[in-house]
Amino acid sequence: MEHKDRLITVQELADYLEVPVKTLYAWRYRREGPPGLRVGRHLRYRCADVERWIQRQLEAGSSEPMS
């Protein structure tokens, strides 16, 4: 990700995470994904928030026992 204060679109985030746009909307509905904000009618994500969310996912995954 680039500049931490930059706002990115849903499509840009979907491309970055390599997930469908529908997945991002489903995560948002279930409050599971990175926090987003509305800019008028448009949903945007702050790069810093996305990076923090990714870090939390990595930390949560590393605490699970290995099988």
N, C-alpha and C. Protein backbone atom coordinates (compact mmCIF):
# COMPACT_ATOMS: atom_id res chain seq x y z
N MET A 1 0.85 -1.18 0.00
CA MET A 1 0.00 0.00 0.00
C MET A 1 0.89 1.24 0.00
N GLU A 2 0.34 2.27 -0.52
CA GLU A 2 1.10 3.51 -0.65
C GLU A 2 0.96 4.38 0.60
N HIS A 3 0.79 5.65 0.40
CA HIS A 3 0.67 6.64 1.47
C HIS A 3 -0.42 6.22 2.45
N LYS A 4 -0.11 6.23 3.74
CA LYS A 4 -1.02 5.70 4.76
C LYS A 4 -2.34 6.46 4.88
N ASP A 5 -2.36 7.75 4.53
CA ASP A 5 -3.59 8.54 4.64
C ASP A 5 -4.45 8.47 3.38
N ARG A 6 -3.95 7.82 2.37
CA ARG A 6 -4.67 7.73 1.10
C ARG A 6 -5.95 6.92 1.27
N LEU A 7 -7.01 7.36 0.62
CA LEU A 7 -8.26 6.60 0.58
C LEU A 7 -8.28 5.78 -0.70
N ILE A 8 -8.67 4.52 -0.58
CA ILE A 8 -8.76 3.67 -1.76
C ILE A 8 -10.19 3.19 -1.93
N THR A 9 -10.51 2.83 -3.14
CA THR A 9 -11.86 2.37 -3.48
C THR A 9 -12.02 0.90 -3.11
N VAL A 10 -13.25 0.46 -3.14
CA VAL A 10 -13.55 -0.95 -2.89
C VAL A 10 -12.84 -1.81 -3.93
N GLN A 11 -12.86 -1.40 -5.17
CA GLN A 11 -12.21 -2.18 -6.23
C GLN A 11 -10.70 -2.25 -6.01
N GLU A 12 -10.09 -1.15 -5.62
CA GLU A 12 -8.65 -1.15 -5.36
C GLU A 12 -8.30 -2.09 -4.21
N LEU A 13 -9.11 -2.08 -3.16
CA LEU A 13 -8.86 -2.97 -2.03
C LEU A 13 -9.08 -4.42 -2.43
N ALA A 14 -10.11 -4.68 -3.20
CA ALA A 14 -10.37 -6.05 -3.67
C ALA A 14 -9.19 -6.55 -4.50
N ASP A 15 -8.66 -5.70 -5.36
CA ASP A 15 -7.51 -6.08 -6.17
C ASP A 15 -6.29 -6.35 -5.29
N TYR A 16 -6.07 -5.49 -4.31
CA TYR A 16 -4.92 -5.62 -3.41
C TYR A 16 -4.99 -6.91 -2.60
N LEU A 17 -6.17 -7.22 -2.06
CA LEU A 17 -6.34 -8.43 -1.25
C LEU A 17 -6.61 -9.67 -2.09
N GLU A 18 -6.85 -9.47 -3.38
CA GLU A 18 -7.18 -10.56 -4.31
C GLU A 18 -8.42 -11.32 -3.85
N VAL A 19 -9.46 -10.54 -3.52
CA VAL A 19 -10.77 -11.10 -3.17
C VAL A 19 -11.82 -10.39 -4.00
N PRO A 20 -12.98 -11.00 -4.19
CA PRO A 20 -14.05 -10.32 -4.93
C PRO A 20 -14.59 -9.12 -4.14
N VAL A 21 -15.10 -8.15 -4.85
CA VAL A 21 -15.72 -6.97 -4.23
C VAL A 21 -16.85 -7.41 -3.32
N LYS A 22 -17.61 -8.40 -3.73
CA LYS A 22 -18.73 -8.90 -2.92
C LYS A 22 -18.26 -9.38 -1.56
N THR A 23 -17.06 -9.94 -1.50
CA THR A 23 -16.50 -10.39 -0.22
C THR A 23 -16.29 -9.21 0.72
N LEU A 24 -15.78 -8.10 0.19
CA LEU A 24 -15.57 -6.91 1.02
C LEU A 24 -16.88 -6.40 1.59
N TYR A 25 -17.92 -6.37 0.76
CA TYR A 25 -19.23 -5.92 1.24
C TYR A 25 -19.80 -6.89 2.28
N ALA A 26 -19.57 -8.18 2.09
CA ALA A 26 -20.04 -9.18 3.07
C ALA A 26 -19.29 -9.01 4.39
N TRP A 27 -17.98 -8.81 4.32
CA TRP A 27 -17.20 -8.57 5.53
C TRP A 27 -17.68 -7.32 6.24
N ARG A 28 -17.96 -6.29 5.48
CA ARG A 28 -18.43 -5.03 6.08
C ARG A 28 -19.76 -5.25 6.78
N TYR A 29 -20.66 -5.97 6.15
CA TYR A 29 -21.97 -6.25 6.72
C TYR A 29 -21.83 -7.02 8.04
N ARG A 30 -20.89 -7.99 8.06
CA ARG A 30 -20.68 -8.81 9.25
C ARG A 30 -19.66 -8.18 10.21
N ARG A 31 -19.16 -7.00 9.87
CA ARG A 31 -18.15 -6.29 10.68
C ARG A 31 -16.91 -7.14 10.91
N GLU A 32 -16.46 -7.79 9.86
CA GLU A 32 -15.28 -8.66 9.92
C GLU A 32 -14.08 -8.07 9.20
N GLY A 33 -14.31 -7.22 8.24
CA GLY A 33 -13.23 -6.71 7.41
C GLY A 33 -12.63 -5.42 7.93
N PRO A 34 -11.76 -4.83 7.13
CA PRO A 34 -11.17 -3.55 7.53
C PRO A 34 -12.24 -2.47 7.61
N PRO A 35 -12.07 -1.52 8.52
CA PRO A 35 -13.06 -0.45 8.64
C PRO A 35 -13.07 0.44 7.41
N GLY A 36 -14.25 0.73 6.93
CA GLY A 36 -14.41 1.61 5.79
C GLY A 36 -15.17 2.85 6.19
N LEU A 37 -15.18 3.82 5.32
CA LEU A 37 -15.95 5.03 5.59
C LEU A 37 -16.65 5.48 4.33
N ARG A 38 -17.75 6.17 4.55
CA ARG A 38 -18.52 6.70 3.43
C ARG A 38 -18.03 8.10 3.10
N VAL A 39 -17.80 8.33 1.83
CA VAL A 39 -17.49 9.66 1.31
C VAL A 39 -18.63 9.95 0.34
N GLY A 40 -19.63 10.66 0.86
CA GLY A 40 -20.85 10.82 0.07
C GLY A 40 -21.51 9.46 -0.06
N ARG A 41 -21.74 9.05 -1.29
CA ARG A 41 -22.36 7.75 -1.55
C ARG A 41 -21.33 6.64 -1.74
N HIS A 42 -20.07 6.98 -1.64
CA HIS A 42 -19.00 6.03 -1.99
C HIS A 42 -18.31 5.48 -0.76
N LEU A 43 -17.98 4.20 -0.79
CA LEU A 43 -17.25 3.55 0.28
C LEU A 43 -15.76 3.65 -0.02
N ARG A 44 -14.99 4.06 0.99
CA ARG A 44 -13.55 4.17 0.85
C ARG A 44 -12.88 3.54 2.05
N TYR A 45 -11.63 3.16 1.88
CA TYR A 45 -10.82 2.58 2.95
C TYR A 45 -9.53 3.36 3.06
N ARG A 46 -9.09 3.62 4.31
CA ARG A 46 -7.80 4.26 4.54
C ARG A 46 -6.73 3.18 4.54
N CYS A 47 -5.64 3.44 3.84
CA CYS A 47 -4.56 2.45 3.75
C CYS A 47 -4.05 2.05 5.13
N ALA A 48 -3.92 3.01 6.04
CA ALA A 48 -3.43 2.71 7.40
C ALA A 48 -4.37 1.74 8.11
N ASP A 49 -5.68 1.92 7.95
CA ASP A 49 -6.66 1.02 8.57
C ASP A 49 -6.56 -0.38 7.99
N VAL A 50 -6.37 -0.46 6.69
CA VAL A 50 -6.24 -1.76 6.02
C VAL A 50 -5.00 -2.48 6.52
N GLU A 51 -3.88 -1.77 6.62
CA GLU A 51 -2.64 -2.38 7.09
C GLU A 51 -2.78 -2.88 8.53
N ARG A 52 -3.45 -2.11 9.39
CA ARG A 52 -3.68 -2.55 10.78
C ARG A 52 -4.55 -3.80 10.81
N TRP A 53 -5.59 -3.82 9.98
CA TRP A 53 -6.48 -4.97 9.92
C TRP A 53 -5.72 -6.22 9.46
N ILE A 54 -4.87 -6.06 8.45
CA ILE A 54 -4.06 -7.18 7.96
C ILE A 54 -3.15 -7.68 9.07
N GLN A 55 -2.51 -6.77 9.79
CA GLN A 55 -1.62 -7.16 10.89
C GLN A 55 -2.37 -7.96 11.96
N ARG A 56 -3.58 -7.51 12.29
CA ARG A 56 -4.39 -8.24 13.28
C ARG A 56 -4.73 -9.64 12.78
N GLN A 57 -5.01 -9.77 11.48
CA GLN A 57 -5.32 -11.08 10.91
C GLN A 57 -4.11 -11.99 11.02
N LEU A 58 -2.93 -11.44 10.74
CA LEU A 58 -1.71 -12.24 10.83
C LEU A 58 -1.44 -12.68 12.26
N GLU A 59 -1.63 -11.76 13.21
CA GLU A 59 -1.40 -12.09 14.62
C GLU A 59 -2.40 -13.13 15.11
N ALA A 60 -3.65 -13.00 14.71
CA ALA A 60 -4.67 -13.97 15.12
C ALA A 60 -4.37 -15.34 14.52
N GLY A 61 -3.90 -15.37 13.31
CA GLY A 61 -3.58 -16.63 12.65
C GLY A 61 -2.37 -17.31 13.25
N SER A 62 -1.40 -16.53 13.74
CA SER A 62 -0.19 -17.11 14.29
C SER A 62 -0.41 -17.66 15.69
N SER A 63 -1.51 -17.26 16.34
CA SER A 63 -1.77 -17.76 17.69
C SER A 63 -2.54 -19.07 17.70
N GLU A 64 -2.98 -19.50 16.53
CA GLU A 64 -3.71 -20.77 16.46
C GLU A 64 -2.71 -21.93 16.52
N PRO A 65 -3.06 -23.01 17.21
CA PRO A 65 -2.15 -24.15 17.31
C PRO A 65 -1.94 -24.80 15.95
N MET A 66 -0.73 -25.25 15.72
CA MET A 66 -0.40 -25.95 14.48
C MET A 66 -0.89 -27.39 14.58
N SER A 67 -1.38 -27.95 13.49
CA SER A 67 -1.84 -29.34 13.54
C SER A 67 -0.82 -30.27 12.95
